[in-house]
PDB file of N, CA and C in Angstrom:
ATOM      1  N   MET A   1     -37.435  48.979-100.030  1.00  0.00           N
ATOM      2  CA  MET A   1     -38.093  49.442 -98.831  1.00  0.00           C
ATOM      3  C   MET A   1     -37.439  50.754 -98.386  1.00  0.00           C
ATOM      4  N   PRO A   2     -38.041  51.896 -98.679  1.00  0.00           N
ATOM      5  CA  PRO A   2     -37.480  53.178 -98.255  1.00  0.00           C
ATOM      6  C   PRO A   2     -37.533  53.326 -96.734  1.00  0.00           C
ATOM      7  N   TYR A   3     -36.491  53.946 -96.205  1.00  0.00           N
ATOM      8  CA  TYR A   3     -36.421  54.262 -94.781  1.00  0.00           C
ATOM      9  C   TYR A   3     -36.111  55.750 -94.673  1.00  0.00           C
ATOM     10  N   VAL A   4     -37.012  56.499 -94.041  1.00  0.00           N
ATOM     11  CA  VAL A   4     -36.844  57.942 -93.877  1.00  0.00           C
ATOM     12  C   VAL A   4     -36.774  58.242 -92.390  1.00  0.00           C
ATOM     13  N   ASN A   5     -35.760  59.009 -91.994  1.00  0.00           N
ATOM     14  CA  ASN A   5     -35.600  59.406 -90.594  1.00  0.00           C
ATOM     15  C   ASN A   5     -35.727  60.925 -90.509  1.00  0.00           C
ATOM     16  N   ILE A   6     -36.750  61.388 -89.805  1.00  0.00           N
ATOM     17  CA  ILE A   6     -36.989  62.810 -89.601  1.00  0.00           C
ATOM     18  C   ILE A   6     -36.549  63.148 -88.182  1.00  0.00           C
ATOM     19  N   LYS A   7     -35.712  64.153 -88.049  1.00  0.00           N
ATOM     20  CA  LYS A   7     -35.265  64.591 -86.727  1.00  0.00           C
ATOM     21  C   LYS A   7     -35.798  65.995 -86.493  1.00  0.00           C
ATOM     22  N   ILE A   8     -36.502  66.154 -85.367  1.00  0.00           N
ATOM     23  CA  ILE A   8     -37.037  67.454 -84.984  1.00  0.00           C
ATOM     24  C   ILE A   8     -36.699  67.702 -83.517  1.00  0.00           C
ATOM     25  N   THR A   9     -36.705  68.979 -83.140  1.00  0.00           N
ATOM     26  CA  THR A   9     -36.493  69.273 -81.731  1.00  0.00           C
ATOM     27  C   THR A   9     -37.756  68.925 -80.956  1.00  0.00           C
ATOM     28  N   ARG A  10     -37.555  68.499 -79.728  1.00  0.00           N
ATOM     29  CA  ARG A  10     -38.666  68.093 -78.867  1.00  0.00           C
ATOM     30  C   ARG A  10     -39.294  69.358 -78.275  1.00  0.00           C
ATOM     31  N   GLU A  11     -40.302  69.850 -78.958  1.00  0.00           N
ATOM     32  CA  GLU A  11     -40.950  71.084 -78.522  1.00  0.00           C
ATOM     33  C   GLU A  11     -42.461  71.015 -78.683  1.00  0.00           C
ATOM     34  N   GLY A  12     -43.007  69.851 -78.554  1.00  0.00           N
ATOM     35  CA  GLY A  12     -44.447  69.756 -78.516  1.00  0.00           C
ATOM     36  C   GLY A  12     -45.155  69.476 -79.826  1.00  0.00           C
ATOM     37  N   ALA A  13     -44.468  68.850 -80.783  1.00  0.00           N
ATOM     38  CA  ALA A  13     -45.188  68.413 -81.982  1.00  0.00           C
ATOM     39  C   ALA A  13     -46.257  67.423 -81.532  1.00  0.00           C
ATOM     40  N   THR A  14     -47.463  67.633 -81.987  1.00  0.00           N
ATOM     41  CA  THR A  14     -48.561  66.765 -81.560  1.00  0.00           C
ATOM     42  C   THR A  14     -48.540  65.438 -82.309  1.00  0.00           C
ATOM     43  N   ALA A  15     -49.248  64.476 -81.765  1.00  0.00           N
ATOM     44  CA  ALA A  15     -49.377  63.182 -82.442  1.00  0.00           C
ATOM     45  C   ALA A  15     -50.007  63.362 -83.818  1.00  0.00           C
ATOM     46  N   GLU A  16     -50.949  64.289 -83.927  1.00  0.00           N
ATOM     47  CA  GLU A  16     -51.597  64.554 -85.219  1.00  0.00           C
ATOM     48  C   GLU A  16     -50.593  65.132 -86.224  1.00  0.00           C
ATOM     49  N   GLN A  17     -49.754  66.054 -85.798  1.00  0.00           N
ATOM     50  CA  GLN A  17     -48.751  66.633 -86.688  1.00  0.00           C
ATOM     51  C   GLN A  17     -47.761  65.573 -87.159  1.00  0.00           C
ATOM     52  N   LYS A  18     -47.339  64.712 -86.240  1.00  0.00           N
ATOM     53  CA  LYS A  18     -46.393  63.660 -86.613  1.00  0.00           C
ATOM     54  C   LYS A  18     -47.049  62.656 -87.560  1.00  0.00           C
ATOM     55  N   ALA A  19     -48.310  62.359 -87.347  1.00  0.00           N
ATOM     56  CA  ALA A  19     -49.027  61.461 -88.262  1.00  0.00           C
ATOM     57  C   ALA A  19     -49.099  62.063 -89.663  1.00  0.00           C
ATOM     58  N   LYS A  20     -49.298  63.378 -89.737  1.00  0.00           N
ATOM     59  CA  LYS A  20     -49.327  64.054 -91.049  1.00  0.00           C
ATOM     60  C   LYS A  20     -47.966  64.004 -91.732  1.00  0.00           C
ATOM     61  N   LEU A  21     -46.891  64.151 -90.952  1.00  0.00           N
ATOM     62  CA  LEU A  21     -45.551  64.020 -91.526  1.00  0.00           C
ATOM     63  C   LEU A  21     -45.341  62.625 -92.098  1.00  0.00           C
ATOM     64  N   ILE A  22     -45.696  61.614 -91.331  1.00  0.00           N
ATOM     65  CA  ILE A  22     -45.531  60.224 -91.784  1.00  0.00           C
ATOM     66  C   ILE A  22     -46.332  59.980 -93.055  1.00  0.00           C
ATOM     67  N   GLU A  23     -47.578  60.419 -93.053  1.00  0.00           N
ATOM     68  CA  GLU A  23     -48.429  60.231 -94.230  1.00  0.00           C
ATOM     69  C   GLU A  23     -47.894  61.001 -95.432  1.00  0.00           C
ATOM     70  N   GLY A  24     -47.498  62.243 -95.204  1.00  0.00           N
ATOM     71  CA  GLY A  24     -47.014  63.080 -96.308  1.00  0.00           C
ATOM     72  C   GLY A  24     -45.740  62.544 -96.945  1.00  0.00           C
ATOM     73  N   VAL A  25     -44.790  62.125 -96.120  1.00  0.00           N
ATOM     74  CA  VAL A  25     -43.537  61.579 -96.646  1.00  0.00           C
ATOM     75  C   VAL A  25     -43.806  60.275 -97.397  1.00  0.00           C
ATOM     76  N   THR A  26     -44.667  59.444 -96.850  1.00  0.00           N
ATOM     77  CA  THR A  26     -45.013  58.185 -97.510  1.00  0.00           C
ATOM     78  C   THR A  26     -45.623  58.447 -98.879  1.00  0.00           C
ATOM     79  N   HIS A  27     -46.537  59.401 -98.957  1.00  0.00           N
ATOM     80  CA  HIS A  27     -47.181  59.724-100.235  1.00  0.00           C
ATOM     81  C   HIS A  27     -46.202  60.368-101.210  1.00  0.00           C
ATOM     82  N   LEU A  28     -45.293  61.185-100.695  1.00  0.00           N
ATOM     83  CA  LEU A  28     -44.287  61.809-101.552  1.00  0.00           C
ATOM     84  C   LEU A  28     -43.407  60.756-102.223  1.00  0.00           C
ATOM     85  N   LEU A  29     -42.966  59.772-101.456  1.00  0.00           N
ATOM     86  CA  LEU A  29     -42.145  58.707-102.037  1.00  0.00           C
ATOM     87  C   LEU A  29     -42.933  57.877-103.057  1.00  0.00           C
ATOM     88  N   ARG A  30     -44.204  57.676-102.778  1.00  0.00           N
ATOM     89  CA  ARG A  30     -45.053  56.961-103.743  1.00  0.00           C
ATOM     90  C   ARG A  30     -45.187  57.767-105.032  1.00  0.00           C
ATOM     91  N   ASP A  31     -45.496  59.060-104.889  1.00  0.00           N
ATOM     92  CA  ASP A  31     -45.781  59.897-106.057  1.00  0.00           C
ATOM     93  C   ASP A  31     -44.541  60.223-106.886  1.00  0.00           C
ATOM     94  N   VAL A  32     -43.420  60.452-106.239  1.00  0.00           N
ATOM     95  CA  VAL A  32     -42.215  60.874-106.952  1.00  0.00           C
ATOM     96  C   VAL A  32     -41.377  59.689-107.417  1.00  0.00           C
ATOM     97  N   LEU A  33     -41.230  58.679-106.565  1.00  0.00           N
ATOM     98  CA  LEU A  33     -40.343  57.562-106.895  1.00  0.00           C
ATOM     99  C   LEU A  33     -41.063  56.252-107.162  1.00  0.00           C
ATOM    100  N   GLY A  34     -42.384  56.244-107.003  1.00  0.00           N
ATOM    101  CA  GLY A  34     -43.146  55.026-107.248  1.00  0.00           C
ATOM    102  C   GLY A  34     -42.948  53.965-106.176  1.00  0.00           C
ATOM    103  N   LYS A  35     -42.587  54.383-104.957  1.00  0.00           N
ATOM    104  CA  LYS A  35     -42.344  53.424-103.882  1.00  0.00           C
ATOM    105  C   LYS A  35     -43.650  52.936-103.265  1.00  0.00           C
ATOM    106  N   ASN A  36     -43.640  51.709-102.827  1.00  0.00           N
ATOM    107  CA  ASN A  36     -44.818  51.092-102.245  1.00  0.00           C
ATOM    108  C   ASN A  36     -45.031  51.613-100.815  1.00  0.00           C
ATOM    109  N   PRO A  37     -46.148  52.274-100.534  1.00  0.00           N
ATOM    110  CA  PRO A  37     -46.406  52.778 -99.184  1.00  0.00           C
ATOM    111  C   PRO A  37     -46.401  51.682 -98.122  1.00  0.00           C
ATOM    112  N   ALA A  38     -46.762  50.468 -98.493  1.00  0.00           N
ATOM    113  CA  ALA A  38     -46.824  49.371 -97.519  1.00  0.00           C
ATOM    114  C   ALA A  38     -45.450  48.970 -97.003  1.00  0.00           C
ATOM    115  N   THR A  39     -44.400  49.328 -97.747  1.00  0.00           N
ATOM    116  CA  THR A  39     -43.051  48.968 -97.312  1.00  0.00           C
ATOM    117  C   THR A  39     -42.190  50.188 -96.993  1.00  0.00           C
ATOM    118  N   THR A  40     -42.815  51.350 -96.917  1.00  0.00           N
ATOM    119  CA  THR A  40     -42.090  52.576 -96.588  1.00  0.00           C
ATOM    120  C   THR A  40     -42.086  52.777 -95.079  1.00  0.00           C
ATOM    121  N   VAL A  41     -40.897  52.975 -94.531  1.00  0.00           N
ATOM    122  CA  VAL A  41     -40.720  53.170 -93.096  1.00  0.00           C
ATOM    123  C   VAL A  41     -40.364  54.634 -92.848  1.00  0.00           C
ATOM    124  N   VAL A  42     -41.090  55.278 -91.929  1.00  0.00           N
ATOM    125  CA  VAL A  42     -40.797  56.653 -91.538  1.00  0.00           C
ATOM    126  C   VAL A  42     -40.633  56.677 -90.023  1.00  0.00           C
ATOM    127  N   VAL A  43     -39.501  57.200 -89.561  1.00  0.00           N
ATOM    128  CA  VAL A  43     -39.211  57.297 -88.140  1.00  0.00           C
ATOM    129  C   VAL A  43     -39.006  58.764 -87.797  1.00  0.00           C
ATOM    130  N   ILE A  44     -39.643  59.211 -86.726  1.00  0.00           N
ATOM    131  CA  ILE A  44     -39.462  60.581 -86.254  1.00  0.00           C
ATOM    132  C   ILE A  44     -38.717  60.517 -84.920  1.00  0.00           C
ATOM    133  N   ASP A  45     -37.546  61.141 -84.893  1.00  0.00           N
ATOM    134  CA  ASP A  45     -36.771  61.251 -83.662  1.00  0.00           C
ATOM    135  C   ASP A  45     -36.924  62.670 -83.131  1.00  0.00           C
ATOM    136  N   GLU A  46     -37.295  62.776 -81.869  1.00  0.00           N
ATOM    137  CA  GLU A  46     -37.399  64.083 -81.226  1.00  0.00           C
ATOM    138  C   GLU A  46     -36.186  64.266 -80.314  1.00  0.00           C
ATOM    139  N   VAL A  47     -35.451  65.349 -80.518  1.00  0.00           N
ATOM    140  CA  VAL A  47     -34.205  65.600 -79.824  1.00  0.00           C
ATOM    141  C   VAL A  47     -34.382  66.806 -78.904  1.00  0.00           C
ATOM    142  N   ASP A  48     -33.947  66.677 -77.662  1.00  0.00           N
ATOM    143  CA  ASP A  48     -33.978  67.814 -76.743  1.00  0.00           C
ATOM    144  C   ASP A  48     -33.129  68.948 -77.312  1.00  0.00           C
ATOM    145  N   THR A  49     -33.571  70.179 -77.109  1.00  0.00           N
ATOM    146  CA  THR A  49     -32.846  71.328 -77.656  1.00  0.00           C
ATOM    147  C   THR A  49     -31.454  71.472 -77.041  1.00  0.00           C
ATOM    148  N   ASP A  50     -31.239  70.915 -75.847  1.00  0.00           N
ATOM    149  CA  ASP A  50     -29.892  70.911 -75.264  1.00  0.00           C
ATOM    150  C   ASP A  50     -28.947  69.991 -76.031  1.00  0.00           C
ATOM    151  N   ASN A  51     -29.500  69.046 -76.776  1.00  0.00           N
ATOM    152  CA  ASN A  51     -28.701  68.052 -77.493  1.00  0.00           C
ATOM    153  C   ASN A  51     -28.595  68.333 -78.988  1.00  0.00           C
ATOM    154  N   TRP A  52     -28.986  69.529 -79.416  1.00  0.00           N
ATOM    155  CA  TRP A  52     -28.952  69.889 -80.828  1.00  0.00           C
ATOM    156  C   TRP A  52     -28.203  71.204 -80.924  1.00  0.00           C
ATOM    157  N   GLY A  53     -27.122  71.217 -81.670  1.00  0.00           N
ATOM    158  CA  GLY A  53     -26.308  72.420 -81.731  1.00  0.00           C
ATOM    159  C   GLY A  53     -26.130  72.955 -83.129  1.00  0.00           C
ATOM    160  N   ILE A  54     -26.012  74.267 -83.216  1.00  0.00           N
ATOM    161  CA  ILE A  54     -25.709  74.966 -84.464  1.00  0.00           C
ATOM    162  C   ILE A  54     -24.718  76.072 -84.113  1.00  0.00           C
ATOM    163  N   GLY A  55     -23.675  76.201 -84.902  1.00  0.00           N
ATOM    164  CA  GLY A  55     -22.731  77.287 -84.685  1.00  0.00           C
ATOM    165  C   GLY A  55     -22.098  77.268 -83.300  1.00  0.00           C
ATOM    166  N   ALA A  56     -21.745  76.098 -82.821  1.00  0.00           N
ATOM    167  CA  ALA A  56     -21.027  75.900 -81.554  1.00  0.00           C
ATOM    168  C   ALA A  56     -21.865  76.180 -80.316  1.00  0.00           C
ATOM    169  N   GLU A  57     -23.186  76.208 -80.460  1.00  0.00           N
ATOM    170  CA  GLU A  57     -24.028  76.371 -79.275  1.00  0.00           C
ATOM    171  C   GLU A  57     -25.330  75.609 -79.446  1.00  0.00           C
ATOM    172  N   SER A  58     -25.953  75.309 -78.322  1.00  0.00           N
ATOM    173  CA  SER A  58     -27.184  74.517 -78.367  1.00  0.00           C
ATOM    174  C   SER A  58     -28.364  75.370 -78.834  1.00  0.00           C
ATOM    175  N   ILE A  59     -29.376  74.689 -79.299  1.00  0.00           N
ATOM    176  CA  ILE A  59     -30.609  75.375 -79.695  1.00  0.00           C
ATOM    177  C   ILE A  59     -31.228  76.068 -78.490  1.00  0.00           C
ATOM    178  N   THR A  60     -31.107  75.472 -77.321  1.00  0.00           N
ATOM    179  CA  THR A  60     -31.648  76.088 -76.104  1.00  0.00           C
ATOM    180  C   THR A  60     -31.066  77.479 -75.907  1.00  0.00           C
ATOM    181  N   VAL A  61     -29.758  77.600 -76.023  1.00  0.00           N
ATOM    182  CA  VAL A  61     -29.076  78.885 -75.859  1.00  0.00           C
ATOM    183  C   VAL A  61     -29.506  79.859 -76.949  1.00  0.00           C
ATOM    184  N   ARG A  62     -29.544  79.406 -78.178  1.00  0.00           N
ATOM    185  CA  ARG A  62     -29.928  80.278 -79.300  1.00  0.00           C
ATOM    186  C   ARG A  62     -31.360  80.805 -79.114  1.00  0.00           C
ATOM    187  N   ARG A  63     -32.256  79.929 -78.668  1.00  0.00           N
ATOM    188  CA  ARG A  63     -33.647  80.351 -78.498  1.00  0.00           C
ATOM    189  C   ARG A  63     -33.779  81.362 -77.355  1.00  0.00           C
ATOM    190  N   ARG A  64     -32.978  81.201 -76.321  1.00  0.00           N
ATOM    191  CA  ARG A  64     -32.993  82.186 -75.226  1.00  0.00           C
ATOM    192  C   ARG A  64     -32.600  83.577 -75.720  1.00  0.00           C
ATOM    193  N   ARG A  65     -31.687  83.608 -76.696  1.00  0.00           N
ATOM    194  CA  ARG A  65     -31.253  84.883 -77.262  1.00  0.00           C
ATOM    195  C   ARG A  65     -32.194  85.385 -78.336  1.00  0.00           C
ATOM    196  N   GLY A  66     -33.195  84.590 -78.679  1.00  0.00           N
ATOM    197  CA  GLY A  66     -34.166  85.024 -79.688  1.00  0.00           C
ATOM    198  C   GLY A  66     -33.802  84.679 -81.109  1.00  0.00           C
ATOM    199  N   GLN A  67     -32.915  83.729 -81.298  1.00  0.00           N
ATOM    200  CA  GLN A  67     -32.542  83.319 -82.659  1.00  0.00           C
ATOM    201  C   GLN A  67     -33.298  82.084 -83.057  1.00  0.00           C
TER     202      GLN A  67
END
């Protein structure tokens, strides 16, 4: 039973976009590894940009600077 955890910043991914991610990852595991889609678990965690850091600063700060 594959378990995939996708983490993205909380910036307005739509329900349709997340459904496409779930479907795409499920199909990828089926096609590449032969995993059963009925037992494949995909979880999407959305993280506030204040809680996600790169290079000693939050994504919120980096985005304010245009990075």
